[in-house]
Every structure is written in structure tokens, then in C-alpha cells.
């Protein structure tokens, strides 16, 4: 299947590791130019990880890539992220809202600050990035694609105490539908991907400690590889998915069947 992603410009938030890294590498393998967004804040700076992804793209795929810092909870950072992308690539065609914050613990131990921060990253950050892309696409009268990474936890909840995260991903499903209704007539497709558990560094310990519990819920009897989810993201960002918008696509090993 021809995805026609060659020379398209894709921006992936949270692209320095895990699923985000796999998505960046998939786009690059298809010939796209890639903006690898990473978190740079007072407490965390993932520039080394992002630079490593950029170097891997250049060495293995032969396409261009750029590490772009932004704390998605800060509007000025998001604006600067797009300025850097415009400066390097002239425009952005594809946005993948992948960055997410995942606190853990029962509601009785959760603080309002942690709840608010989760929504600021997972929902408001995606809103700001989507707004900036849509502004540019409409001004230039160009088509574009937005893919939001949500989660099966939006439908099922979590057994390990991720109330704020689960709720934020439910909000992103509604965001996907509402934005698709607003902009699809202008040639901008907006879809979401809802993975189950993915084999990344972030979930490695949880997976090992609760493997049998999780396997009992998954008909395929394994968790997803990041590359498998990245393949679906690339499809939704491609010309091949031109008639899809407002959809939330399950990739859950059979946990969601309908």
C-alpha cells in the first residue's frame, strides 16, 4: 500500500522515547521529514534522547529530522515549537499528539495539582498544538492530518489507579470527534488511535509484575510492540486514510471487539 508520506512534514509530540520514538522512525522510514518534540522544563530535559532519535533517523532513513523542545503546558513553548518547525521545514503537514503524563495512585491520594497537570499535558497541550497546525493549514489552504494517541483506558478504566490519565484520554476522544466535525470539510482529517498496553520502557515493570493478569484480558495473548501501533498511526496520517475522520481506531489485541 502506498502511503504517499515521502517529503511530508510530521511533528510528533513526546517523540523522544517509547511509542513516540517508534512513530518518528516509521514516518522517517516512509520518507517523511520529522519534528521530534521533547520535554524541556525546569525539572526534565530530554534533549539527549531526542537528539539520539534525530541521529538514528538521519543515519538509517536518510531523511531530515529536527529535535524541537516544548513544555506543552506552556503556550509560549508550543508557539515556539511551531516557529522552529516552520523555520526548518516551511510548514507542517501532520501532527501526532502523543505526549502524555501518567500519574498513579488511588483517588484518595491524588491532588488537584496532579489532576490539573495531567489535563494540561494530555488535553490542553494537544489543543494548543492542534490549534497552531489548523491555523497554518487554513491560512495556506492546505490539507493536513491530526492523529491523537488515546488509550483503551478511556473506555475501560485502569486497574492500577490512573484516574486522571484515563479521564484525560476520554476527553481526547471527544476532542477528536469535535475537531473533526469542525475542520474536515477544509481537508483536515482528525482521528485517534486507542492502543492497549504497549511494550515500552514506561510499562516494563508493571507488565512484569502483573503479566498473567494482563494476558487474561488480551485474546492475542501478548502486548503490542510500539512499531505495530506506529504502523496504524502512519496509515491514518496518509492519503490511504483520506476518507477517515473523527474515528477512534482500536489496536488492543482483541480487548475491544465491536
C-alpha atoms as a PDB file:
ATOM      1  CA  UNK A   1       0.000   0.000   0.000  1.00  0.00           C
ATOM      2  CA  UNK A   2       1.364   3.397  -0.970  1.00  0.00           C
ATOM      3  CA  UNK A   3       1.094   5.847   1.914  1.00  0.00           C
ATOM      4  CA  UNK A   4       2.469   8.845  -0.006  1.00  0.00           C
ATOM      5  CA  UNK A   5       4.272  10.202   3.037  1.00  0.00           C
ATOM      6  CA  UNK A   6       7.527  10.979   1.245  1.00  0.00           C
ATOM      7  CA  UNK A   7       8.589  14.602   1.839  1.00  0.00           C
ATOM      8  CA  UNK A   8       5.585  15.270   4.090  1.00  0.00           C
ATOM      9  CA  UNK A   9       6.469  17.045   7.344  1.00  0.00           C
ATOM     10  CA  UNK A  10       5.322  15.344  10.550  1.00  0.00           C
ATOM     11  CA  UNK A  11       5.525  16.706  14.091  1.00  0.00           C
ATOM     12  CA  UNK A  12       5.308  14.120  16.886  1.00  0.00           C
ATOM     13  CA  UNK A  13       4.891  15.357  20.447  1.00  0.00           C
ATOM     14  CA  UNK A  14       6.665  13.260  23.036  1.00  0.00           C
ATOM     15  CA  UNK A  15       8.789  11.834  20.232  1.00  0.00           C
ATOM     16  CA  UNK A  16      11.979  11.184  22.175  1.00  0.00           C
ATOM     17  CA  UNK A  17      11.092   7.718  23.504  1.00  0.00           C
ATOM     18  CA  UNK A  18       8.618   4.861  23.690  1.00  0.00           C
ATOM     19  CA  UNK A  19       5.733   4.951  21.241  1.00  0.00           C
ATOM     20  CA  UNK A  20       6.633   8.481  20.125  1.00  0.00           C
ATOM     21  CA  UNK A  21      10.079   7.331  19.029  1.00  0.00           C
ATOM     22  CA  UNK A  22       8.583   4.418  17.069  1.00  0.00           C
ATOM     23  CA  UNK A  23       6.179   6.810  15.322  1.00  0.00           C
ATOM     24  CA  UNK A  24       9.015   9.162  14.399  1.00  0.00           C
ATOM     25  CA  UNK A  25      11.050   6.291  12.954  1.00  0.00           C
ATOM     26  CA  UNK A  26       8.061   4.973  10.996  1.00  0.00           C
ATOM     27  CA  UNK A  27       7.383   8.343   9.398  1.00  0.00           C
ATOM     28  CA  UNK A  28      11.058   8.690   8.533  1.00  0.00           C
ATOM     29  CA  UNK A  29      11.134   5.190   7.018  1.00  0.00           C
ATOM     30  CA  UNK A  30       8.275   6.292   4.755  1.00  0.00           C
ATOM     31  CA  UNK A  31      10.316   9.289   3.618  1.00  0.00           C
ATOM     32  CA  UNK A  32       8.726  11.992   5.767  1.00  0.00           C
ATOM     33  CA  UNK A  33      10.631  14.799   7.446  1.00  0.00           C
ATOM     34  CA  UNK A  34      10.150  14.621  11.185  1.00  0.00           C
ATOM     35  CA  UNK A  35       9.987  17.036  14.090  1.00  0.00           C
ATOM     36  CA  UNK A  36      10.876  15.135  17.269  1.00  0.00           C
ATOM     37  CA  UNK A  37       9.303  17.074  20.121  1.00  0.00           C
ATOM     38  CA  UNK A  38      10.744  16.517  23.576  1.00  0.00           C
ATOM     39  CA  UNK A  39      10.047  17.856  27.051  1.00  0.00           C
ATOM     40  CA  UNK A  40      12.305  20.608  28.288  1.00  0.00           C
ATOM     41  CA  UNK A  41      11.247  22.049  31.613  1.00  0.00           C
ATOM     42  CA  UNK A  42      12.790  23.172  34.888  1.00  0.00           C
ATOM     43  CA  UNK A  43      12.817  19.565  36.097  1.00  0.00           C
ATOM     44  CA  UNK A  44      13.277  17.474  32.932  1.00  0.00           C
ATOM     45  CA  UNK A  45      15.291  17.924  29.753  1.00  0.00           C
ATOM     46  CA  UNK A  46      15.105  15.013  27.302  1.00  0.00           C
ATOM     47  CA  UNK A  47      17.304  16.639  24.663  1.00  0.00           C
ATOM     48  CA  UNK A  48      19.805  13.757  24.609  1.00  0.00           C
ATOM     49  CA  UNK A  49      17.051  11.236  23.886  1.00  0.00           C
ATOM     50  CA  UNK A  50      15.571  13.451  21.159  1.00  0.00           C
ATOM     51  CA  UNK A  51      18.972  14.047  19.563  1.00  0.00           C
ATOM     52  CA  UNK A  52      19.539  10.272  19.508  1.00  0.00           C
ATOM     53  CA  UNK A  53      16.239   9.778  17.622  1.00  0.00           C
ATOM     54  CA  UNK A  54      17.209  12.507  15.133  1.00  0.00           C
ATOM     55  CA  UNK A  55      20.612  10.894  14.601  1.00  0.00           C
ATOM     56  CA  UNK A  56      19.022   7.474  14.078  1.00  0.00           C
ATOM     57  CA  UNK A  57      16.630   8.927  11.507  1.00  0.00           C
ATOM     58  CA  UNK A  58      19.419  10.611   9.595  1.00  0.00           C
ATOM     59  CA  UNK A  59      21.674   7.562   9.660  1.00  0.00           C
ATOM     60  CA  UNK A  60      19.117   4.863   8.863  1.00  0.00           C
ATOM     61  CA  UNK A  61      16.438   6.639   6.817  1.00  0.00           C
ATOM     62  CA  UNK A  62      18.362   9.383   5.064  1.00  0.00           C
ATOM     63  CA  UNK A  63      15.667  11.982   5.671  1.00  0.00           C
ATOM     64  CA  UNK A  64      15.676  15.202   7.651  1.00  0.00           C
ATOM     65  CA  UNK A  65      14.708  15.483  11.296  1.00  0.00           C
ATOM     66  CA  UNK A  66      14.749  18.163  13.966  1.00  0.00           C
ATOM     67  CA  UNK A  67      14.614  17.947  17.759  1.00  0.00           C
ATOM     68  CA  UNK A  68      12.131  20.587  18.963  1.00  0.00           C
ATOM     69  CA  UNK A  69      11.749  21.346  22.684  1.00  0.00           C
ATOM     70  CA  UNK A  70       8.465  22.331  24.285  1.00  0.00           C
ATOM     71  CA  UNK A  71       6.697  22.012  27.594  1.00  0.00           C
ATOM     72  CA  UNK A  72       3.183  21.526  26.231  1.00  0.00           C
ATOM     73  CA  UNK A  73       1.649  23.082  29.341  1.00  0.00           C
ATOM     74  CA  UNK A  74       3.180  26.444  28.341  1.00  0.00           C
ATOM     75  CA  UNK A  75       1.526  28.174  25.395  1.00  0.00           C
ATOM     76  CA  UNK A  76       4.651  30.156  24.501  1.00  0.00           C
ATOM     77  CA  UNK A  77       6.612  26.887  24.200  1.00  0.00           C
ATOM     78  CA  UNK A  78       4.060  25.452  21.771  1.00  0.00           C
ATOM     79  CA  UNK A  79       4.208  28.608  19.648  1.00  0.00           C
ATOM     80  CA  UNK A  80       7.989  28.423  19.601  1.00  0.00           C
ATOM     81  CA  UNK A  81       7.853  24.740  18.647  1.00  0.00           C
ATOM     82  CA  UNK A  82       5.854  25.589  15.543  1.00  0.00           C
ATOM     83  CA  UNK A  83       8.099  28.554  14.765  1.00  0.00           C
ATOM     84  CA  UNK A  84      11.119  26.245  14.767  1.00  0.00           C
ATOM     85  CA  UNK A  85       9.303  23.744  12.527  1.00  0.00           C
ATOM     86  CA  UNK A  86       8.298  26.489  10.091  1.00  0.00           C
ATOM     87  CA  UNK A  87      11.835  27.847  10.082  1.00  0.00           C
ATOM     88  CA  UNK A  88      13.331  24.422   9.309  1.00  0.00           C
ATOM     89  CA  UNK A  89      10.700  22.848   7.034  1.00  0.00           C
ATOM     90  CA  UNK A  90       8.498  25.815   5.949  1.00  0.00           C
ATOM     91  CA  UNK A  91       5.319  24.052   7.104  1.00  0.00           C
ATOM     92  CA  UNK A  92       3.852  21.053   8.947  1.00  0.00           C
ATOM     93  CA  UNK A  93       1.509  18.559   7.255  1.00  0.00           C
ATOM     94  CA  UNK A  94       0.929  16.038  10.048  1.00  0.00           C
ATOM     95  CA  UNK A  95       0.591  16.374  13.817  1.00  0.00           C
ATOM     96  CA  UNK A  96       0.634  13.398  16.178  1.00  0.00           C
ATOM     97  CA  UNK A  97      -0.490  14.333  19.683  1.00  0.00           C
ATOM     98  CA  UNK A  98       1.361  11.609  21.549  1.00  0.00           C
ATOM     99  CA  UNK A  99       2.877  13.304  24.620  1.00  0.00           C
ATOM    100  CA  UNK A 100       1.196  12.295  27.855  1.00  0.00           C
ATOM    101  CA  UNK A 101       1.582  12.410  31.612  1.00  0.00           C
ATOM    102  CA  UNK A 102       0.535   9.347  33.603  1.00  0.00           C
ATOM    103  CA  UNK A 103       0.250   9.717  37.388  1.00  0.00           C
ATOM    104  CA  UNK A 104      -0.505   6.681  39.510  1.00  0.00           C
ATOM    105  CA  UNK A 105      -2.388   6.169  42.736  1.00  0.00           C
ATOM    106  CA  UNK A 106      -5.908   5.942  44.179  1.00  0.00           C
ATOM    107  CA  UNK A 107      -8.214   8.956  44.140  1.00  0.00           C
ATOM    108  CA  UNK A 108      -7.750   9.378  47.897  1.00  0.00           C
ATOM    109  CA  UNK A 109      -4.030  10.071  47.382  1.00  0.00           C
ATOM    110  CA  UNK A 110      -4.471  12.294  44.311  1.00  0.00           C
ATOM    111  CA  UNK A 111      -4.086  16.060  44.447  1.00  0.00           C
ATOM    112  CA  UNK A 112      -5.863  18.718  42.436  1.00  0.00           C
ATOM    113  CA  UNK A 113      -2.462  19.902  41.191  1.00  0.00           C
ATOM    114  CA  UNK A 114      -1.694  16.454  39.769  1.00  0.00           C
ATOM    115  CA  UNK A 115      -5.168  16.191  38.196  1.00  0.00           C
ATOM    116  CA  UNK A 116      -4.791  19.645  36.611  1.00  0.00           C
ATOM    117  CA  UNK A 117      -1.285  18.933  35.342  1.00  0.00           C
ATOM    118  CA  UNK A 118      -2.439  15.691  33.690  1.00  0.00           C
ATOM    119  CA  UNK A 119      -5.133  17.556  31.774  1.00  0.00           C
ATOM    120  CA  UNK A 120      -2.742  20.390  30.915  1.00  0.00           C
ATOM    121  CA  UNK A 121      -0.337  17.960  29.234  1.00  0.00           C
ATOM    122  CA  UNK A 122      -2.721  15.401  27.774  1.00  0.00           C
ATOM    123  CA  UNK A 123      -5.604  17.638  26.688  1.00  0.00           C
ATOM    124  CA  UNK A 124      -4.607  21.314  26.710  1.00  0.00           C
ATOM    125  CA  UNK A 125      -1.231  20.535  25.125  1.00  0.00           C
ATOM    126  CA  UNK A 126      -2.957  18.665  22.304  1.00  0.00           C
ATOM    127  CA  UNK A 127      -5.435  21.547  21.922  1.00  0.00           C
ATOM    128  CA  UNK A 128      -2.653  24.131  21.602  1.00  0.00           C
ATOM    129  CA  UNK A 129      -0.655  22.077  19.107  1.00  0.00           C
ATOM    130  CA  UNK A 130      -3.761  21.266  17.048  1.00  0.00           C
ATOM    131  CA  UNK A 131      -4.840  24.910  17.039  1.00  0.00           C
ATOM    132  CA  UNK A 132      -1.481  26.064  15.715  1.00  0.00           C
ATOM    133  CA  UNK A 133      -1.469  23.460  12.946  1.00  0.00           C
ATOM    134  CA  UNK A 134      -5.066  24.179  11.915  1.00  0.00           C
ATOM    135  CA  UNK A 135      -4.335  27.925  11.772  1.00  0.00           C
ATOM    136  CA  UNK A 136      -1.488  27.300   9.352  1.00  0.00           C
ATOM    137  CA  UNK A 137      -3.317  24.780   7.206  1.00  0.00           C
ATOM    138  CA  UNK A 138      -6.349  27.042   6.796  1.00  0.00           C
ATOM    139  CA  UNK A 139      -4.220  30.112   6.041  1.00  0.00           C
ATOM    140  CA  UNK A 140      -2.303  28.217   3.346  1.00  0.00           C
ATOM    141  CA  UNK A 141      -5.393  26.330   2.111  1.00  0.00           C
ATOM    142  CA  UNK A 142      -3.532  23.050   2.501  1.00  0.00           C
ATOM    143  CA  UNK A 143      -4.846  19.649   3.632  1.00  0.00           C
ATOM    144  CA  UNK A 144      -3.451  18.050   6.758  1.00  0.00           C
ATOM    145  CA  UNK A 145      -3.730  15.211   9.247  1.00  0.00           C
ATOM    146  CA  UNK A 146      -4.013  15.108  13.020  1.00  0.00           C
ATOM    147  CA  UNK A 147      -3.697  11.802  14.889  1.00  0.00           C
ATOM    148  CA  UNK A 148      -4.375  11.724  18.624  1.00  0.00           C
ATOM    149  CA  UNK A 149      -2.983   8.927  20.760  1.00  0.00           C
ATOM    150  CA  UNK A 150      -5.628   7.922  23.297  1.00  0.00           C
ATOM    151  CA  UNK A 151      -5.963   4.637  25.205  1.00  0.00           C
ATOM    152  CA  UNK A 152      -8.198   1.689  25.904  1.00  0.00           C
ATOM    153  CA  UNK A 153      -8.199   3.038  29.456  1.00  0.00           C
ATOM    154  CA  UNK A 154     -10.553   5.772  28.222  1.00  0.00           C
ATOM    155  CA  UNK A 155     -13.204   3.071  27.768  1.00  0.00           C
ATOM    156  CA  UNK A 156     -12.261   0.544  30.430  1.00  0.00           C
ATOM    157  CA  UNK A 157     -10.512   2.485  33.162  1.00  0.00           C
ATOM    158  CA  UNK A 158      -7.355   1.165  34.774  1.00  0.00           C
ATOM    159  CA  UNK A 159      -6.937  -1.450  37.459  1.00  0.00           C
ATOM    160  CA  UNK A 160      -3.760   0.244  38.718  1.00  0.00           C
ATOM    161  CA  UNK A 161      -5.068   3.701  39.699  1.00  0.00           C
ATOM    162  CA  UNK A 162      -4.747   6.040  36.702  1.00  0.00           C
ATOM    163  CA  UNK A 163      -7.961   8.016  37.159  1.00  0.00           C
ATOM    164  CA  UNK A 164      -6.651  11.357  35.859  1.00  0.00           C
ATOM    165  CA  UNK A 165      -4.933   9.770  32.854  1.00  0.00           C
ATOM    166  CA  UNK A 166      -7.959   7.639  31.949  1.00  0.00           C
ATOM    167  CA  UNK A 167     -10.258  10.659  32.201  1.00  0.00           C
ATOM    168  CA  UNK A 168      -7.960  12.814  30.074  1.00  0.00           C
ATOM    169  CA  UNK A 169      -7.897  10.198  27.326  1.00  0.00           C
ATOM    170  CA  UNK A 170     -11.700  10.081  27.361  1.00  0.00           C
ATOM    171  CA  UNK A 171     -11.657  13.838  26.861  1.00  0.00           C
ATOM    172  CA  UNK A 172      -9.313  13.404  23.896  1.00  0.00           C
ATOM    173  CA  UNK A 173     -11.775  11.055  22.199  1.00  0.00           C
ATOM    174  CA  UNK A 174     -14.441  13.776  22.421  1.00  0.00           C
ATOM    175  CA  UNK A 175     -11.871  16.334  21.251  1.00  0.00           C
ATOM    176  CA  UNK A 176     -11.130  14.175  18.211  1.00  0.00           C
ATOM    177  CA  UNK A 177     -14.782  13.994  17.174  1.00  0.00           C
ATOM    178  CA  UNK A 178     -15.471  17.693  17.769  1.00  0.00           C
ATOM    179  CA  UNK A 179     -12.383  18.896  15.895  1.00  0.00           C
ATOM    180  CA  UNK A 180     -13.072  16.519  13.007  1.00  0.00           C
ATOM    181  CA  UNK A 181     -16.569  17.953  12.659  1.00  0.00           C
ATOM    182  CA  UNK A 182     -15.149  21.471  12.613  1.00  0.00           C
ATOM    183  CA  UNK A 183     -12.307  21.094  10.106  1.00  0.00           C
ATOM    184  CA  UNK A 184     -12.848  18.019   7.926  1.00  0.00           C
ATOM    185  CA  UNK A 185     -14.670  19.973   5.205  1.00  0.00           C
ATOM    186  CA  UNK A 186     -11.484  22.008   4.836  1.00  0.00           C
ATOM    187  CA  UNK A 187      -9.382  18.948   4.060  1.00  0.00           C
ATOM    188  CA  UNK A 188      -8.060  18.283   7.566  1.00  0.00           C
ATOM    189  CA  UNK A 189      -8.598  14.727   8.823  1.00  0.00           C
ATOM    190  CA  UNK A 190      -8.628  14.156  12.576  1.00  0.00           C
ATOM    191  CA  UNK A 191      -8.534  10.642  14.007  1.00  0.00           C
ATOM    192  CA  UNK A 192      -7.436   8.856  17.168  1.00  0.00           C
ATOM    193  CA  UNK A 193      -5.654   5.595  17.944  1.00  0.00           C
ATOM    194  CA  UNK A 194      -6.620   3.689  21.099  1.00  0.00           C
ATOM    195  CA  UNK A 195      -3.908   1.161  21.985  1.00  0.00           C
ATOM    196  CA  UNK A 196      -3.974  -1.348  24.753  1.00  0.00           C
ATOM    197  CA  UNK A 197      -0.751  -1.998  26.643  1.00  0.00           C
ATOM    198  CA  UNK A 198       2.406  -1.360  24.612  1.00  0.00           C
ATOM    199  CA  UNK A 199       5.837  -2.850  25.268  1.00  0.00           C
ATOM    200  CA  UNK A 200       7.769   0.295  26.203  1.00  0.00           C
ATOM    201  CA  UNK A 201      10.201   1.192  28.954  1.00  0.00           C
ATOM    202  CA  UNK A 202       7.421   3.026  30.806  1.00  0.00           C
ATOM    203  CA  UNK A 203       5.317  -0.104  31.373  1.00  0.00           C
ATOM    204  CA  UNK A 204       8.094  -2.703  31.639  1.00  0.00           C
ATOM    205  CA  UNK A 205       7.944  -3.097  35.432  1.00  0.00           C
ATOM    206  CA  UNK A 206       4.132  -3.041  35.595  1.00  0.00           C
ATOM    207  CA  UNK A 207       3.977  -5.646  32.830  1.00  0.00           C
ATOM    208  CA  UNK A 208       6.451  -7.987  34.503  1.00  0.00           C
ATOM    209  CA  UNK A 209       4.737  -7.703  37.879  1.00  0.00           C
ATOM    210  CA  UNK A 210       1.220  -8.314  36.519  1.00  0.00           C
ATOM    211  CA  UNK A 211       1.799 -10.279  33.315  1.00  0.00           C
ATOM    212  CA  UNK A 212      -0.758 -13.037  33.861  1.00  0.00           C
ATOM    213  CA  UNK A 213      -3.450 -10.561  34.903  1.00  0.00           C
ATOM    214  CA  UNK A 214      -2.983  -8.569  31.689  1.00  0.00           C
ATOM    215  CA  UNK A 215      -2.687 -11.610  29.434  1.00  0.00           C
ATOM    216  CA  UNK A 216      -6.041 -12.874  30.713  1.00  0.00           C
ATOM    217  CA  UNK A 217      -7.671  -9.754  29.217  1.00  0.00           C
ATOM    218  CA  UNK A 218      -5.953  -9.900  25.815  1.00  0.00           C
ATOM    219  CA  UNK A 219      -7.233 -12.502  23.309  1.00  0.00           C
ATOM    220  CA  UNK A 220      -4.000 -12.341  21.264  1.00  0.00           C
ATOM    221  CA  UNK A 221      -2.100 -13.151  24.494  1.00  0.00           C
ATOM    222  CA  UNK A 222       0.652 -10.590  24.175  1.00  0.00           C
ATOM    223  CA  UNK A 223       1.059  -6.829  24.377  1.00  0.00           C
ATOM    224  CA  UNK A 224       1.671  -4.618  21.366  1.00  0.00           C
ATOM    225  CA  UNK A 225       5.052  -3.669  20.008  1.00  0.00           C
ATOM    226  CA  UNK A 226       5.465   0.097  19.557  1.00  0.00           C
ATOM    227  CA  UNK A 227       6.106  -0.469  15.855  1.00  0.00           C
ATOM    228  CA  UNK A 228       2.688  -2.091  15.420  1.00  0.00           C
ATOM    229  CA  UNK A 229       0.925   0.966  16.789  1.00  0.00           C
ATOM    230  CA  UNK A 230       3.195   3.265  14.768  1.00  0.00           C
ATOM    231  CA  UNK A 231       2.113   1.467  11.581  1.00  0.00           C
ATOM    232  CA  UNK A 232      -1.524   2.358  12.311  1.00  0.00           C
ATOM    233  CA  UNK A 233      -0.625   5.978  13.088  1.00  0.00           C
ATOM    234  CA  UNK A 234       1.225   6.274   9.771  1.00  0.00           C
ATOM    235  CA  UNK A 235      -1.770   4.851   7.918  1.00  0.00           C
ATOM    236  CA  UNK A 236      -4.153   7.384   9.498  1.00  0.00           C
ATOM    237  CA  UNK A 237      -1.719  10.177   8.589  1.00  0.00           C
ATOM    238  CA  UNK A 238      -1.527   9.029   4.977  1.00  0.00           C
ATOM    239  CA  UNK A 239      -3.502   9.540   1.780  1.00  0.00           C
ATOM    240  CA  UNK A 240      -4.709   5.947   2.124  1.00  0.00           C
ATOM    241  CA  UNK A 241      -6.922   7.039   5.050  1.00  0.00           C
ATOM    242  CA  UNK A 242      -8.317  10.064   3.243  1.00  0.00           C
ATOM    243  CA  UNK A 243     -11.960   9.060   3.843  1.00  0.00           C
ATOM    244  CA  UNK A 244     -11.493   8.519   7.588  1.00  0.00           C
ATOM    245  CA  UNK A 245     -12.140  11.322  10.067  1.00  0.00           C
ATOM    246  CA  UNK A 246     -13.499  11.534  13.598  1.00  0.00           C
ATOM    247  CA  UNK A 247     -12.701   7.860  14.150  1.00  0.00           C
ATOM    248  CA  UNK A 248     -11.101   6.253  17.175  1.00  0.00           C
ATOM    249  CA  UNK A 249      -9.383   3.087  15.988  1.00  0.00           C
ATOM    250  CA  UNK A 250      -8.758   0.259  18.467  1.00  0.00           C
ATOM    251  CA  UNK A 251      -5.446  -1.586  18.431  1.00  0.00           C
ATOM    252  CA  UNK A 252      -5.779  -3.720  21.512  1.00  0.00           C
ATOM    253  CA  UNK A 253      -5.011  -7.326  20.678  1.00  0.00           C
ATOM    254  CA  UNK A 254      -8.742  -8.042  20.782  1.00  0.00           C
ATOM    255  CA  UNK A 255      -9.583  -6.392  24.115  1.00  0.00           C
ATOM    256  CA  UNK A 256     -12.040  -4.194  22.220  1.00  0.00           C
ATOM    257  CA  UNK A 257     -14.256  -6.085  19.815  1.00  0.00           C
ATOM    258  CA  UNK A 258     -17.281  -4.463  18.176  1.00  0.00           C
END
